[in-house]
Amino acid sequence: MPQQSSTPIAPPTPTPATPVVRSRHDGAKSIISTVLILLAAPLIALTLTAFVFQSYEVDGPSMETTLENKDRLIVIKTERTWARITGHDYIPNRGDVIIFVKRGLIDQSQGQDKQLIKRVIGLPGDHVVVSNGSLTIYNKAHPKGFQPDKTLSYGSVITTTGGTVDLVVPAGEIFVCGDNRANSLDSRIFGTVPAHDIVGKLAIRLLPLSQAKRF
């Protein structure tokens, strides 16, 4: 039977910690990295805003009841950006809600051309007729005409469509209307919108949270 030793075993001697030494060169690199990050952040934000998405706030009643005054929106710009890269016109789908620049209509608060939000009603080649309070579109698919406000699922349009319009939408342009037809400055007044003036398409209503929605 093995005998137990009565001699105590000494604990291992701890190895002294090696001090960490940082050169001035490492400190300079850290400062430069921080500065580059601070400089890059606004550039990245500007790039995203210009080419990918942007936040907007609704100003006015022209899209009621689909959108209300002060609603906060996210507008996607990727399709428009890709169209410009590939040299094509960006033509949204009928029924899409878009942001576009109205040349000659000045935003007094910003001192530049105003941006409007409307719904796409007429596409290139469509014959758009507004008469007796109704909006009718004639094209190759519907030679006898159809009324998008009644056949498309984009929601309610307040009141009848006033005004008198009889035009064919040119190539590379669209015809837009506000959903609140009695209180909307749109293509019934200023005509069709060139594709190159389109900023982006409504994707999400963020605020108010109780009415958050994807479009």
C-alpha atoms as a PDB file:
ATOM      1  CA  MET A   1       0.000   0.000   0.000  1.00  0.00           C
ATOM      2  CA  PRO A   2       1.513   3.311  -1.028  1.00  0.00           C
ATOM      3  CA  GLN A   3       2.378   5.698   1.771  1.00  0.00           C
ATOM      4  CA  GLN A   4       1.198   9.310   1.695  1.00  0.00           C
ATOM      5  CA  SER A   5       3.946  11.920   1.863  1.00  0.00           C
ATOM      6  CA  SER A   6       3.750  14.383   4.708  1.00  0.00           C
ATOM      7  CA  THR A   7       5.760  16.985   2.823  1.00  0.00           C
ATOM      8  CA  PRO A   8       3.488  19.842   1.650  1.00  0.00           C
ATOM      9  CA  ILE A   9       3.455  20.660  -2.031  1.00  0.00           C
ATOM     10  CA  ALA A  10       4.291  24.265  -2.749  1.00  0.00           C
ATOM     11  CA  PRO A  11       1.857  26.117  -5.057  1.00  0.00           C
ATOM     12  CA  PRO A  12       3.193  27.044  -8.477  1.00  0.00           C
ATOM     13  CA  THR A  13       4.924  30.369  -8.655  1.00  0.00           C
ATOM     14  CA  PRO A  14       2.725  32.796 -10.634  1.00  0.00           C
ATOM     15  CA  THR A  15       4.188  34.075 -13.850  1.00  0.00           C
ATOM     16  CA  PRO A  16       4.438  37.834 -13.770  1.00  0.00           C
ATOM     17  CA  ALA A  17       2.142  39.542 -16.278  1.00  0.00           C
ATOM     18  CA  THR A  18       3.816  40.921 -19.328  1.00  0.00           C
ATOM     19  CA  PRO A  19       3.198  44.652 -19.530  1.00  0.00           C
ATOM     20  CA  VAL A  20       1.427  45.845 -22.687  1.00  0.00           C
ATOM     21  CA  VAL A  21       3.350  48.564 -24.432  1.00  0.00           C
ATOM     22  CA  ARG A  22       1.647  50.664 -27.111  1.00  0.00           C
ATOM     23  CA  SER A  23       3.638  52.866 -29.349  1.00  0.00           C
ATOM     24  CA  ARG A  24       2.709  56.360 -30.434  1.00  0.00           C
ATOM     25  CA  HIS A  25       2.249  54.881 -33.891  1.00  0.00           C
ATOM     26  CA  ASP A  26      -0.639  52.693 -32.638  1.00  0.00           C
ATOM     27  CA  GLY A  27      -2.278  55.723 -31.031  1.00  0.00           C
ATOM     28  CA  ALA A  28      -2.033  57.697 -34.239  1.00  0.00           C
ATOM     29  CA  LYS A  29      -3.600  54.834 -36.216  1.00  0.00           C
ATOM     30  CA  SER A  30      -6.503  54.721 -33.767  1.00  0.00           C
ATOM     31  CA  ILE A  31      -7.111  58.451 -34.125  1.00  0.00           C
ATOM     32  CA  ILE A  32      -6.964  58.261 -37.924  1.00  0.00           C
ATOM     33  CA  SER A  33      -9.415  55.334 -37.964  1.00  0.00           C
ATOM     34  CA  THR A  34     -11.846  57.252 -35.766  1.00  0.00           C
ATOM     35  CA  VAL A  35     -11.617  60.341 -37.980  1.00  0.00           C
ATOM     36  CA  LEU A  36     -12.197  58.262 -41.126  1.00  0.00           C
ATOM     37  CA  ILE A  37     -15.281  56.658 -39.596  1.00  0.00           C
ATOM     38  CA  LEU A  38     -16.658  60.074 -38.625  1.00  0.00           C
ATOM     39  CA  LEU A  39     -16.045  61.358 -42.150  1.00  0.00           C
ATOM     40  CA  ALA A  40     -17.483  58.277 -43.842  1.00  0.00           C
ATOM     41  CA  ALA A  41     -20.723  58.174 -41.830  1.00  0.00           C
ATOM     42  CA  PRO A  42     -22.341  61.284 -43.387  1.00  0.00           C
ATOM     43  CA  LEU A  43     -21.140  60.245 -46.855  1.00  0.00           C
ATOM     44  CA  ILE A  44     -22.792  56.843 -46.434  1.00  0.00           C
ATOM     45  CA  ALA A  45     -25.971  58.511 -45.174  1.00  0.00           C
ATOM     46  CA  LEU A  46     -26.039  60.886 -48.152  1.00  0.00           C
ATOM     47  CA  THR A  47     -25.492  58.005 -50.571  1.00  0.00           C
ATOM     48  CA  LEU A  48     -28.342  55.985 -49.068  1.00  0.00           C
ATOM     49  CA  THR A  49     -30.628  59.024 -49.143  1.00  0.00           C
ATOM     50  CA  ALA A  50     -29.789  59.818 -52.763  1.00  0.00           C
ATOM     51  CA  PHE A  51     -29.930  56.318 -54.234  1.00  0.00           C
ATOM     52  CA  VAL A  52     -31.609  53.809 -51.871  1.00  0.00           C
ATOM     53  CA  PHE A  53     -34.306  55.209 -49.575  1.00  0.00           C
ATOM     54  CA  GLN A  54     -35.428  58.394 -47.877  1.00  0.00           C
ATOM     55  CA  SER A  55     -37.829  59.446 -45.157  1.00  0.00           C
ATOM     56  CA  TYR A  56     -40.624  61.908 -45.992  1.00  0.00           C
ATOM     57  CA  GLU A  57     -43.449  63.601 -44.139  1.00  0.00           C
ATOM     58  CA  VAL A  58     -46.807  64.140 -45.820  1.00  0.00           C
ATOM     59  CA  ASP A  59     -47.659  67.823 -46.172  1.00  0.00           C
ATOM     60  CA  GLY A  60     -51.287  68.484 -47.022  1.00  0.00           C
ATOM     61  CA  PRO A  61     -54.555  66.603 -47.623  1.00  0.00           C
ATOM     62  CA  SER A  62     -54.206  65.628 -51.301  1.00  0.00           C
ATOM     63  CA  MET A  63     -53.751  61.881 -50.592  1.00  0.00           C
ATOM     64  CA  GLU A  64     -56.470  61.490 -47.970  1.00  0.00           C
ATOM     65  CA  THR A  65     -57.710  59.059 -46.813  1.00  0.00           C
ATOM     66  CA  THR A  66     -54.862  56.818 -47.975  1.00  0.00           C
ATOM     67  CA  LEU A  67     -52.306  59.125 -46.356  1.00  0.00           C
ATOM     68  CA  GLU A  68     -52.957  61.839 -43.800  1.00  0.00           C
ATOM     69  CA  ASN A  69     -51.152  65.103 -43.152  1.00  0.00           C
ATOM     70  CA  LYS A  70     -47.937  64.554 -41.087  1.00  0.00           C
ATOM     71  CA  ASP A  71     -47.740  60.828 -41.830  1.00  0.00           C
ATOM     72  CA  ARG A  72     -44.083  59.711 -41.856  1.00  0.00           C
ATOM     73  CA  LEU A  73     -43.102  57.613 -44.879  1.00  0.00           C
ATOM     74  CA  ILE A  74     -40.199  55.605 -46.268  1.00  0.00           C
ATOM     75  CA  VAL A  75     -39.733  56.023 -50.018  1.00  0.00           C
ATOM     76  CA  ILE A  76     -37.636  53.491 -51.951  1.00  0.00           C
ATOM     77  CA  LYS A  77     -35.369  54.775 -54.742  1.00  0.00           C
ATOM     78  CA  THR A  78     -33.585  51.594 -55.867  1.00  0.00           C
ATOM     79  CA  GLU A  79     -35.746  50.975 -58.950  1.00  0.00           C
ATOM     80  CA  ARG A  80     -35.295  54.552 -60.134  1.00  0.00           C
ATOM     81  CA  THR A  81     -31.551  54.349 -59.437  1.00  0.00           C
ATOM     82  CA  TRP A  82     -31.189  51.101 -61.393  1.00  0.00           C
ATOM     83  CA  ALA A  83     -33.174  52.559 -64.308  1.00  0.00           C
ATOM     84  CA  ARG A  84     -30.794  55.512 -64.462  1.00  0.00           C
ATOM     85  CA  ILE A  85     -27.740  53.247 -64.287  1.00  0.00           C
ATOM     86  CA  THR A  86     -29.049  51.138 -67.169  1.00  0.00           C
ATOM     87  CA  GLY A  87     -30.203  54.147 -69.193  1.00  0.00           C
ATOM     88  CA  HIS A  88     -33.918  53.327 -69.070  1.00  0.00           C
ATOM     89  CA  ASP A  89     -36.996  55.298 -68.022  1.00  0.00           C
ATOM     90  CA  TYR A  90     -38.343  54.374 -64.602  1.00  0.00           C
ATOM     91  CA  ILE A  91     -42.065  53.779 -65.120  1.00  0.00           C
ATOM     92  CA  PRO A  92     -43.852  52.683 -61.916  1.00  0.00           C
ATOM     93  CA  ASN A  93     -46.851  50.392 -61.939  1.00  0.00           C
ATOM     94  CA  ARG A  94     -50.353  51.779 -62.251  1.00  0.00           C
ATOM     95  CA  GLY A  95     -51.651  52.397 -58.735  1.00  0.00           C
ATOM     96  CA  ASP A  96     -48.231  52.996 -57.142  1.00  0.00           C
ATOM     97  CA  VAL A  97     -47.853  56.045 -54.916  1.00  0.00           C
ATOM     98  CA  ILE A  98     -44.773  58.028 -55.873  1.00  0.00           C
ATOM     99  CA  ILE A  99     -42.753  61.118 -54.974  1.00  0.00           C
ATOM    100  CA  PHE A 100     -41.742  63.347 -57.886  1.00  0.00           C
ATOM    101  CA  VAL A 101     -40.298  66.791 -58.520  1.00  0.00           C
ATOM    102  CA  LYS A 102     -42.683  69.351 -60.017  1.00  0.00           C
ATOM    103  CA  ARG A 103     -40.533  71.717 -62.044  1.00  0.00           C
ATOM    104  CA  GLY A 104     -41.503  75.369 -61.673  1.00  0.00           C
ATOM    105  CA  LEU A 105     -43.483  74.817 -58.479  1.00  0.00           C
ATOM    106  CA  ILE A 106     -41.232  76.295 -55.803  1.00  0.00           C
ATOM    107  CA  ASP A 107     -41.070  75.054 -52.216  1.00  0.00           C
ATOM    108  CA  GLN A 108     -40.735  78.374 -50.373  1.00  0.00           C
ATOM    109  CA  SER A 109     -39.286  76.756 -47.252  1.00  0.00           C
ATOM    110  CA  GLN A 110     -36.389  75.186 -49.185  1.00  0.00           C
ATOM    111  CA  GLY A 111     -36.094  77.505 -52.176  1.00  0.00           C
ATOM    112  CA  GLN A 112     -36.166  74.690 -54.738  1.00  0.00           C
ATOM    113  CA  ASP A 113     -38.602  72.783 -56.947  1.00  0.00           C
ATOM    114  CA  LYS A 114     -41.335  71.237 -54.848  1.00  0.00           C
ATOM    115  CA  GLN A 115     -41.727  67.493 -54.405  1.00  0.00           C
ATOM    116  CA  LEU A 116     -45.263  66.078 -54.558  1.00  0.00           C
ATOM    117  CA  ILE A 117     -46.769  62.735 -53.618  1.00  0.00           C
ATOM    118  CA  LYS A 118     -49.477  61.311 -55.918  1.00  0.00           C
ATOM    119  CA  ARG A 119     -50.802  58.050 -57.320  1.00  0.00           C
ATOM    120  CA  VAL A 120     -49.866  56.745 -60.764  1.00  0.00           C
ATOM    121  CA  ILE A 121     -53.037  56.547 -62.843  1.00  0.00           C
ATOM    122  CA  GLY A 122     -51.961  56.696 -66.493  1.00  0.00           C
ATOM    123  CA  LEU A 123     -48.986  54.989 -68.157  1.00  0.00           C
ATOM    124  CA  PRO A 124     -47.205  55.797 -71.442  1.00  0.00           C
ATOM    125  CA  GLY A 125     -49.578  55.333 -74.367  1.00  0.00           C
ATOM    126  CA  ASP A 126     -52.765  55.500 -72.269  1.00  0.00           C
ATOM    127  CA  HIS A 127     -55.584  57.725 -73.463  1.00  0.00           C
ATOM    128  CA  VAL A 128     -56.837  59.442 -70.283  1.00  0.00           C
ATOM    129  CA  VAL A 129     -60.276  61.024 -70.239  1.00  0.00           C
ATOM    130  CA  VAL A 130     -61.768  62.908 -67.307  1.00  0.00           C
ATOM    131  CA  SER A 131     -65.392  63.883 -67.881  1.00  0.00           C
ATOM    132  CA  ASN A 132     -68.599  64.133 -65.852  1.00  0.00           C
ATOM    133  CA  GLY A 133     -66.762  63.352 -62.605  1.00  0.00           C
ATOM    134  CA  SER A 134     -65.199  60.084 -63.820  1.00  0.00           C
ATOM    135  CA  LEU A 135     -61.695  59.117 -64.948  1.00  0.00           C
ATOM    136  CA  THR A 136     -61.482  56.586 -67.768  1.00  0.00           C
ATOM    137  CA  ILE A 137     -58.430  55.057 -69.432  1.00  0.00           C
ATOM    138  CA  TYR A 138     -58.339  53.636 -72.953  1.00  0.00           C
ATOM    139  CA  ASN A 139     -55.430  51.509 -74.206  1.00  0.00           C
ATOM    140  CA  LYS A 140     -54.664  48.394 -76.246  1.00  0.00           C
ATOM    141  CA  ALA A 141     -55.658  46.103 -73.392  1.00  0.00           C
ATOM    142  CA  HIS A 142     -58.900  48.034 -72.786  1.00  0.00           C
ATOM    143  CA  PRO A 143     -60.047  49.579 -76.085  1.00  0.00           C
ATOM    144  CA  LYS A 144     -63.481  50.220 -74.613  1.00  0.00           C
ATOM    145  CA  GLY A 145     -61.968  51.871 -71.565  1.00  0.00           C
ATOM    146  CA  PHE A 146     -61.853  51.116 -67.838  1.00  0.00           C
ATOM    147  CA  GLN A 147     -62.059  53.184 -64.665  1.00  0.00           C
ATOM    148  CA  PRO A 148     -59.037  52.455 -62.457  1.00  0.00           C
ATOM    149  CA  ASP A 149     -60.654  54.032 -59.393  1.00  0.00           C
ATOM    150  CA  LYS A 150     -63.303  51.323 -59.511  1.00  0.00           C
ATOM    151  CA  THR A 151     -61.309  48.325 -60.732  1.00  0.00           C
ATOM    152  CA  LEU A 152     -57.959  48.623 -58.928  1.00  0.00           C
ATOM    153  CA  SER A 153     -57.468  47.747 -55.252  1.00  0.00           C
ATOM    154  CA  TYR A 154     -55.647  50.863 -54.107  1.00  0.00           C
ATOM    155  CA  GLY A 155     -58.300  52.048 -51.673  1.00  0.00           C
ATOM    156  CA  SER A 156     -60.767  54.872 -51.516  1.00  0.00           C
ATOM    157  CA  VAL A 157     -60.822  58.033 -53.591  1.00  0.00           C
ATOM    158  CA  ILE A 158     -62.575  60.999 -52.011  1.00  0.00           C
ATOM    159  CA  THR A 159     -65.301  62.570 -54.179  1.00  0.00           C
ATOM    160  CA  THR A 160     -65.624  62.399 -57.931  1.00  0.00           C
ATOM    161  CA  THR A 161     -62.790  63.349 -60.274  1.00  0.00           C
ATOM    162  CA  GLY A 162     -63.369  66.928 -61.296  1.00  0.00           C
ATOM    163  CA  GLY A 163     -62.023  68.696 -64.323  1.00  0.00           C
ATOM    164  CA  THR A 164     -61.922  67.954 -68.024  1.00  0.00           C
ATOM    165  CA  VAL A 165     -59.010  66.001 -69.514  1.00  0.00           C
ATOM    166  CA  ASP A 166     -58.544  64.300 -72.864  1.00  0.00           C
ATOM    167  CA  LEU A 167     -54.932  63.379 -73.582  1.00  0.00           C
ATOM    168  CA  VAL A 168     -52.588  60.559 -74.542  1.00  0.00           C
ATOM    169  CA  VAL A 169     -49.725  60.026 -72.096  1.00  0.00           C
ATOM    170  CA  PRO A 170     -46.432  60.513 -73.994  1.00  0.00           C
ATOM    171  CA  ALA A 171     -43.642  57.944 -73.972  1.00  0.00           C
ATOM    172  CA  GLY A 172     -41.476  58.232 -70.866  1.00  0.00           C
ATOM    173  CA  GLU A 173     -44.158  60.051 -68.870  1.00  0.00           C
ATOM    174  CA  ILE A 174     -47.007  59.226 -66.461  1.00  0.00           C
ATOM    175  CA  PHE A 175     -50.347  60.721 -65.432  1.00  0.00           C
ATOM    176  CA  VAL A 176     -50.817  61.174 -61.654  1.00  0.00           C
ATOM    177  CA  CYS A 177     -53.680  62.092 -59.348  1.00  0.00           C
ATOM    178  CA  GLY A 178     -54.167  62.595 -55.637  1.00  0.00           C
ATOM    179  CA  ASP A 179     -56.659  60.308 -53.919  1.00  0.00           C
ATOM    180  CA  ASN A 180     -58.475  63.365 -52.562  1.00  0.00           C
ATOM    181  CA  ARG A 181     -59.520  64.505 -56.027  1.00  0.00           C
ATOM    182  CA  ALA A 182     -61.315  67.649 -54.850  1.00  0.00           C
ATOM    183  CA  ASN A 183     -58.187  68.967 -53.123  1.00  0.00           C
ATOM    184  CA  SER A 184     -55.226  67.848 -55.231  1.00  0.00           C
ATOM    185  CA  LEU A 185     -52.865  69.635 -57.588  1.00  0.00           C
ATOM    186  CA  ASP A 186     -52.043  66.917 -60.098  1.00  0.00           C
ATOM    187  CA  SER A 187     -51.868  65.958 -63.792  1.00  0.00           C
ATOM    188  CA  ARG A 188     -55.391  67.251 -64.380  1.00  0.00           C
ATOM    189  CA  ILE A 189     -53.890  70.720 -63.864  1.00  0.00           C
ATOM    190  CA  PHE A 190     -50.197  70.560 -64.797  1.00  0.00           C
ATOM    191  CA  GLY A 191     -50.161  67.636 -67.225  1.00  0.00           C
ATOM    192  CA  THR A 192     -48.067  64.485 -67.309  1.00  0.00           C
ATOM    193  CA  VAL A 193     -44.880  63.886 -65.302  1.00  0.00           C
ATOM    194  CA  PRO A 194     -41.583  62.938 -67.015  1.00  0.00           C
ATOM    195  CA  ALA A 195     -40.022  59.724 -65.720  1.00  0.00           C
ATOM    196  CA  HIS A 196     -36.745  61.492 -64.952  1.00  0.00           C
ATOM    197  CA  ASP A 197     -38.580  63.667 -62.389  1.00  0.00           C
ATOM    198  CA  ILE A 198     -39.675  60.649 -60.337  1.00  0.00           C
ATOM    199  CA  VAL A 199     -37.845  60.432 -57.002  1.00  0.00           C
ATOM    200  CA  GLY A 200     -39.082  57.100 -55.681  1.00  0.00           C
ATOM    201  CA  LYS A 201     -41.999  54.880 -54.696  1.00  0.00           C
ATOM    202  CA  LEU A 202     -43.815  54.756 -51.367  1.00  0.00           C
ATOM    203  CA  ALA A 203     -42.849  51.597 -49.489  1.00  0.00           C
ATOM    204  CA  ILE A 204     -43.817  52.023 -45.824  1.00  0.00           C
ATOM    205  CA  ARG A 205     -45.847  54.331 -43.610  1.00  0.00           C
ATOM    206  CA  LEU A 206     -43.902  54.424 -40.338  1.00  0.00           C
ATOM    207  CA  LEU A 207     -45.916  56.887 -38.303  1.00  0.00           C
ATOM    208  CA  PRO A 208     -48.338  56.986 -36.709  1.00  0.00           C
ATOM    209  CA  LEU A 209     -47.487  53.537 -35.369  1.00  0.00           C
ATOM    210  CA  SER A 210     -51.168  52.626 -35.103  1.00  0.00           C
ATOM    211  CA  GLN A 211     -51.412  52.956 -38.898  1.00  0.00           C
ATOM    212  CA  ALA A 212     -48.005  51.583 -39.916  1.00  0.00           C
ATOM    213  CA  LYS A 213     -48.348  49.834 -43.255  1.00  0.00           C
ATOM    214  CA  ARG A 214     -46.427  48.469 -46.232  1.00  0.00           C
ATOM    215  CA  PHE A 215     -47.438  49.602 -49.713  1.00  0.00           C
END
